[in-house]
Amino acid sequence: FGPPGNGKTLLAKAVATECKCTFFNLSASSLTSKWVGESEKIVRALFALADHLQPSVIFMDEVDSLLTARSAQEQDSSRRLKTEFLVQFDGLGTSKDSRIVVIAATNRPQELDDAVIRRFTKRLFIPLPDAEARLQMIKKLLKDQKLMLREMDMRQIANVTQGFTGSDITAMCKDAAMGPIRDLRGGIEKVNESSVRGISIKDLREAAEKTRPSVSNNLLRDLLAWNAEFGSYKV
């Protein structure tokens, strides 16, 4: 769990790739059906297929849209779907040969059902990238571009982008890469690639000023509070 745009989905895919596992990427739309009882059948079929193709990783993105806290007002179909998930979760540990891992991602863990939270025994907070991580992101995003930058320039930008998510850093670098193109104005049709200048510190500074952090302080505060109470590791 953690702020949106921070690579939670990418981490889950990396786990499956490194373990050479079959990867099932789920969303609410792929599991819900307008027909009564159909959603529960889909869930049972999913876990049966994961068992057949194990080792498997079942990844549930935006799990809060599926397994929110149960209430008296919710529809029976939603309640049955959650119950079926919980039953299937419990069945994973019954065999010593079972090699199925369920990973879920959310930026609203506080909305999950208590029974769901209890079954996810490892709850990892994915924080915003620190200055060093932001520097490495900037380097990677711009490595194939023509640059007029020193490492100290990129480090300076990394230091002034505190509060940026990975998505914010990507948006900033894309905007900075357009700086040399904007300078061409009306002559872009006649110019060749070799005459386009490289990306400068000025381009990055202007892009950083225009890019606003997409994660609010309120959301960060809520996530840190939830991590302090339920997280597996404190930050």
Protein backbone atom coordinates (compact mmCIF):
# COMPACT_ATOMS: atom_id res chain seq x y z
CA PHE A 1 0.00 0.00 0.00
CA GLY A 2 1.09 3.55 -0.57
CA PRO A 3 0.49 6.69 -2.64
CA PRO A 4 -0.69 6.22 -6.23
CA GLY A 5 1.87 6.38 -9.03
CA ASN A 6 4.67 4.89 -6.96
CA GLY A 7 5.27 1.54 -8.64
CA LYS A 8 3.18 -0.88 -6.55
CA THR A 9 1.93 -2.71 -9.65
CA LEU A 10 5.44 -2.81 -11.11
CA LEU A 11 6.79 -4.38 -7.92
CA ALA A 12 4.20 -7.17 -8.09
CA LYS A 13 5.10 -7.90 -11.73
CA ALA A 14 8.79 -7.91 -10.81
CA VAL A 15 8.13 -10.50 -8.09
CA ALA A 16 6.39 -12.80 -10.58
CA THR A 17 9.16 -12.34 -13.16
CA GLU A 18 12.00 -13.02 -10.72
CA CYS A 19 10.24 -16.12 -9.37
CA LYS A 20 9.32 -17.31 -12.90
CA CYS A 21 5.69 -17.58 -11.84
CA THR A 22 2.40 -17.47 -13.73
CA PHE A 23 1.06 -13.95 -13.19
CA PHE A 24 -2.67 -13.21 -12.81
CA ASN A 25 -3.46 -9.48 -12.92
CA LEU A 26 -6.95 -8.83 -11.52
CA SER A 27 -9.23 -5.82 -11.39
CA ALA A 28 -12.78 -5.29 -10.21
CA SER A 29 -14.11 -5.31 -13.78
CA SER A 30 -12.58 -8.72 -14.54
CA LEU A 31 -14.29 -10.38 -11.57
CA THR A 32 -17.73 -8.80 -11.37
CA SER A 33 -20.73 -9.96 -13.38
CA LYS A 34 -24.34 -8.87 -13.72
CA TRP A 35 -25.48 -12.50 -13.37
CA VAL A 36 -26.24 -13.76 -9.87
CA GLY A 37 -23.58 -16.16 -8.61
CA GLU A 38 -21.31 -15.65 -11.61
CA SER A 39 -18.71 -13.57 -9.75
CA GLU A 40 -18.18 -16.27 -7.14
CA LYS A 41 -17.71 -18.86 -9.91
CA ILE A 42 -15.07 -16.63 -11.53
CA VAL A 43 -13.19 -16.37 -8.23
CA ARG A 44 -13.28 -20.15 -7.71
CA ALA A 45 -12.12 -20.73 -11.29
CA LEU A 46 -9.29 -18.22 -10.83
CA PHE A 47 -7.87 -19.95 -7.78
CA ALA A 48 -8.32 -23.38 -9.40
CA LEU A 49 -6.38 -22.21 -12.47
CA ALA A 50 -3.68 -20.63 -10.29
CA ASP A 51 -3.36 -23.96 -8.48
CA HIS A 52 -3.08 -25.85 -11.78
CA LEU A 53 -0.43 -23.47 -13.16
CA GLN A 54 1.55 -22.97 -9.96
CA PRO A 55 3.90 -21.48 -8.99
CA SER A 56 1.50 -18.56 -9.40
CA VAL A 57 1.16 -14.96 -8.30
CA ILE A 58 -2.36 -13.52 -8.07
CA PHE A 59 -2.17 -9.74 -8.11
CA MET A 60 -5.21 -7.67 -7.13
CA ASP A 61 -4.78 -4.03 -8.14
CA GLU A 62 -6.89 -1.41 -6.35
CA VAL A 63 -8.09 -4.13 -3.98
CA ASP A 64 -10.14 -1.57 -2.05
CA SER A 65 -12.62 -1.52 -4.95
CA LEU A 66 -13.35 -5.22 -4.33
CA LEU A 67 -12.83 -6.00 -0.68
CA THR A 68 -14.02 -2.97 1.26
CA ALA A 69 -15.38 -3.28 4.78
CA ARG A 70 -18.69 -5.13 4.84
CA SER A 71 -21.79 -3.24 5.92
CA ALA A 72 -25.49 -3.90 6.42
CA GLN A 73 -26.36 -1.69 3.45
CA GLU A 74 -24.24 -3.44 0.80
CA GLN A 75 -25.73 -5.70 -1.86
CA ASP A 76 -25.85 -9.47 -1.38
CA SER A 77 -23.78 -10.02 -4.54
CA SER A 78 -20.93 -7.90 -3.16
CA ARG A 79 -21.06 -9.69 0.19
CA ARG A 80 -21.00 -13.12 -1.47
CA LEU A 81 -18.00 -12.13 -3.60
CA LYS A 82 -16.03 -11.04 -0.53
CA THR A 83 -16.97 -14.22 1.33
CA GLU A 84 -15.82 -16.37 -1.60
CA PHE A 85 -12.47 -14.55 -1.67
CA LEU A 86 -11.97 -15.13 2.04
CA VAL A 87 -12.81 -18.83 1.65
CA GLN A 88 -10.31 -19.17 -1.21
CA PHE A 89 -7.63 -17.29 0.78
CA ASP A 90 -8.07 -19.71 3.66
CA GLY A 91 -7.74 -22.66 1.31
CA LEU A 92 -4.29 -21.59 0.08
CA GLY A 93 -2.43 -22.80 3.14
CA THR A 94 -4.08 -26.21 3.43
CA SER A 95 -1.51 -28.00 1.25
CA LYS A 96 2.21 -28.04 2.01
CA ASP A 97 2.88 -28.16 -1.75
CA SER A 98 0.88 -25.00 -2.47
CA ARG A 99 2.96 -22.37 -4.28
CA ILE A 100 0.42 -19.59 -4.78
CA VAL A 101 1.07 -16.07 -3.55
CA VAL A 102 -1.63 -13.40 -3.41
CA ILE A 103 -0.43 -9.79 -3.64
CA ALA A 104 -2.76 -6.81 -3.42
CA ALA A 105 -2.17 -3.10 -3.93
CA THR A 106 -4.16 -0.14 -2.67
CA ASN A 107 -3.78 3.52 -1.79
CA ARG A 108 -6.72 3.30 0.62
CA PRO A 109 -5.92 0.46 3.03
CA GLN A 110 -8.12 1.98 5.72
CA GLU A 111 -11.19 1.03 3.66
CA LEU A 112 -10.41 -2.70 3.56
CA ASP A 113 -12.44 -5.25 5.48
CA ASP A 114 -10.82 -6.35 8.76
CA ALA A 115 -10.97 -10.01 7.71
CA VAL A 116 -9.08 -9.14 4.51
CA ILE A 117 -6.40 -7.21 6.40
CA ARG A 118 -5.91 -10.16 8.74
CA ARG A 119 -5.30 -12.56 5.85
CA PHE A 120 -2.63 -10.35 4.28
CA THR A 121 0.04 -11.06 6.87
CA LYS A 122 2.68 -8.82 5.24
CA ARG A 123 1.59 -5.21 4.82
CA LEU A 124 4.31 -3.21 3.12
CA PHE A 125 4.22 0.56 2.86
CA ILE A 126 5.69 1.84 -0.42
CA PRO A 127 6.73 5.42 0.45
CA LEU A 128 7.46 8.33 -1.82
CA PRO A 129 10.93 8.13 -3.40
CA ASP A 130 13.71 9.84 -1.46
CA ALA A 131 16.26 12.19 -3.06
CA GLU A 132 18.59 9.37 -4.15
CA ALA A 133 15.72 7.40 -5.69
CA ARG A 134 14.50 10.51 -7.51
CA LEU A 135 18.02 11.08 -8.89
CA GLN A 136 18.18 7.52 -10.24
CA MET A 137 14.74 7.94 -11.83
CA ILE A 138 15.78 11.17 -13.56
CA LYS A 139 18.96 9.52 -14.86
CA LYS A 140 17.06 6.51 -16.19
CA LEU A 141 14.29 8.56 -17.81
CA LEU A 142 16.75 10.87 -19.58
CA LYS A 143 19.50 8.37 -20.41
CA ASP A 144 18.53 8.11 -24.10
CA GLN A 145 18.13 11.87 -24.56
CA LYS A 146 20.63 14.47 -25.74
CA LEU A 147 21.74 16.23 -22.56
CA MET A 148 23.50 19.41 -21.53
CA LEU A 149 23.47 18.30 -17.90
CA ARG A 150 26.00 17.34 -15.27
CA GLU A 151 25.25 14.90 -12.47
CA MET A 152 25.24 17.77 -9.98
CA ASP A 153 22.49 19.43 -12.04
CA MET A 154 20.30 16.34 -11.88
CA ARG A 155 21.04 15.96 -8.17
CA GLN A 156 19.94 19.55 -7.63
CA ILE A 157 16.60 18.82 -9.30
CA ALA A 158 16.23 15.62 -7.27
CA ASN A 159 16.64 17.65 -4.09
CA VAL A 160 13.91 20.17 -4.99
CA THR A 161 11.31 17.58 -5.99
CA GLN A 162 10.52 16.31 -2.50
CA GLY A 163 6.96 14.98 -2.38
CA PHE A 164 6.96 13.84 -6.02
CA THR A 165 5.79 10.34 -6.90
CA GLY A 166 7.36 8.23 -9.63
CA SER A 167 4.59 9.38 -11.97
CA ASP A 168 5.30 13.03 -11.13
CA ILE A 169 9.01 12.55 -11.91
CA THR A 170 8.08 10.94 -15.24
CA ALA A 171 5.76 13.83 -16.14
CA MET A 172 8.47 16.35 -15.21
CA CYS A 173 11.10 14.65 -17.39
CA LYS A 174 8.71 14.46 -20.35
CA ASP A 175 8.01 18.17 -20.03
CA ALA A 176 11.73 18.97 -19.77
CA ALA A 177 12.40 16.90 -22.91
CA MET A 178 10.01 19.18 -24.81
CA GLY A 179 12.05 22.28 -23.89
CA PRO A 180 14.47 22.08 -26.86
CA ILE A 181 11.52 21.45 -29.22
CA ARG A 182 9.65 24.50 -27.94
CA ASP A 183 12.68 26.68 -28.71
CA LEU A 184 12.37 25.78 -32.39
CA ARG A 185 8.87 27.27 -32.59
CA GLY A 186 7.82 27.58 -36.23
CA GLY A 187 11.01 26.14 -37.68
CA ILE A 188 10.43 22.59 -36.48
CA GLU A 189 9.50 21.28 -39.95
CA LYS A 190 12.89 22.20 -41.43
CA VAL A 191 15.23 21.25 -38.60
CA ASN A 192 17.22 18.00 -38.43
CA GLU A 193 17.83 16.00 -35.27
CA SER A 194 21.50 16.92 -34.93
CA SER A 195 20.74 20.64 -34.69
CA VAL A 196 18.32 20.26 -31.76
CA ARG A 197 20.03 21.29 -28.54
CA GLY A 198 20.22 19.01 -25.53
CA ILE A 199 18.06 19.19 -22.41
CA SER A 200 19.45 21.81 -20.03
CA ILE A 201 19.16 22.50 -16.32
CA LYS A 202 16.85 25.38 -17.25
CA ASP A 203 14.45 22.92 -18.91
CA LEU A 204 14.42 20.72 -15.83
CA ARG A 205 13.95 23.65 -13.44
CA GLU A 206 11.00 24.99 -15.43
CA ALA A 207 9.45 21.52 -15.68
CA ALA A 208 9.86 21.00 -11.92
CA GLU A 209 8.16 24.33 -11.22
CA LYS A 210 5.23 23.47 -13.50
CA THR A 211 4.76 19.94 -12.14
CA ARG A 212 2.71 19.77 -8.96
CA PRO A 213 2.92 16.83 -6.52
CA SER A 214 -0.09 14.58 -7.12
CA VAL A 215 -0.27 13.25 -3.55
CA SER A 216 -1.85 15.41 -0.88
CA ASN A 217 -0.45 15.79 2.61
CA ASN A 218 -3.74 14.47 4.02
CA LEU A 219 -3.40 11.19 2.08
CA LEU A 220 0.21 10.79 3.18
CA ARG A 221 -0.73 11.43 6.79
CA ASP A 222 -3.52 8.81 6.62
CA LEU A 223 -1.20 6.23 5.05
CA LEU A 224 1.53 6.81 7.62
CA ALA A 225 -1.00 6.51 10.45
CA TRP A 226 -2.35 3.23 9.02
CA ASN A 227 1.18 1.90 8.60
CA ALA A 228 2.00 2.77 12.20
CA GLU A 229 -0.98 0.68 13.36
CA PHE A 230 -1.08 -2.20 10.87
CA GLY A 231 2.11 -2.10 8.76
CA SER A 232 4.73 -4.84 8.94
CA TYR A 233 7.60 -2.34 8.94
CA LYS A 234 7.70 1.13 10.48
CA VAL A 235 9.04 4.11 8.53
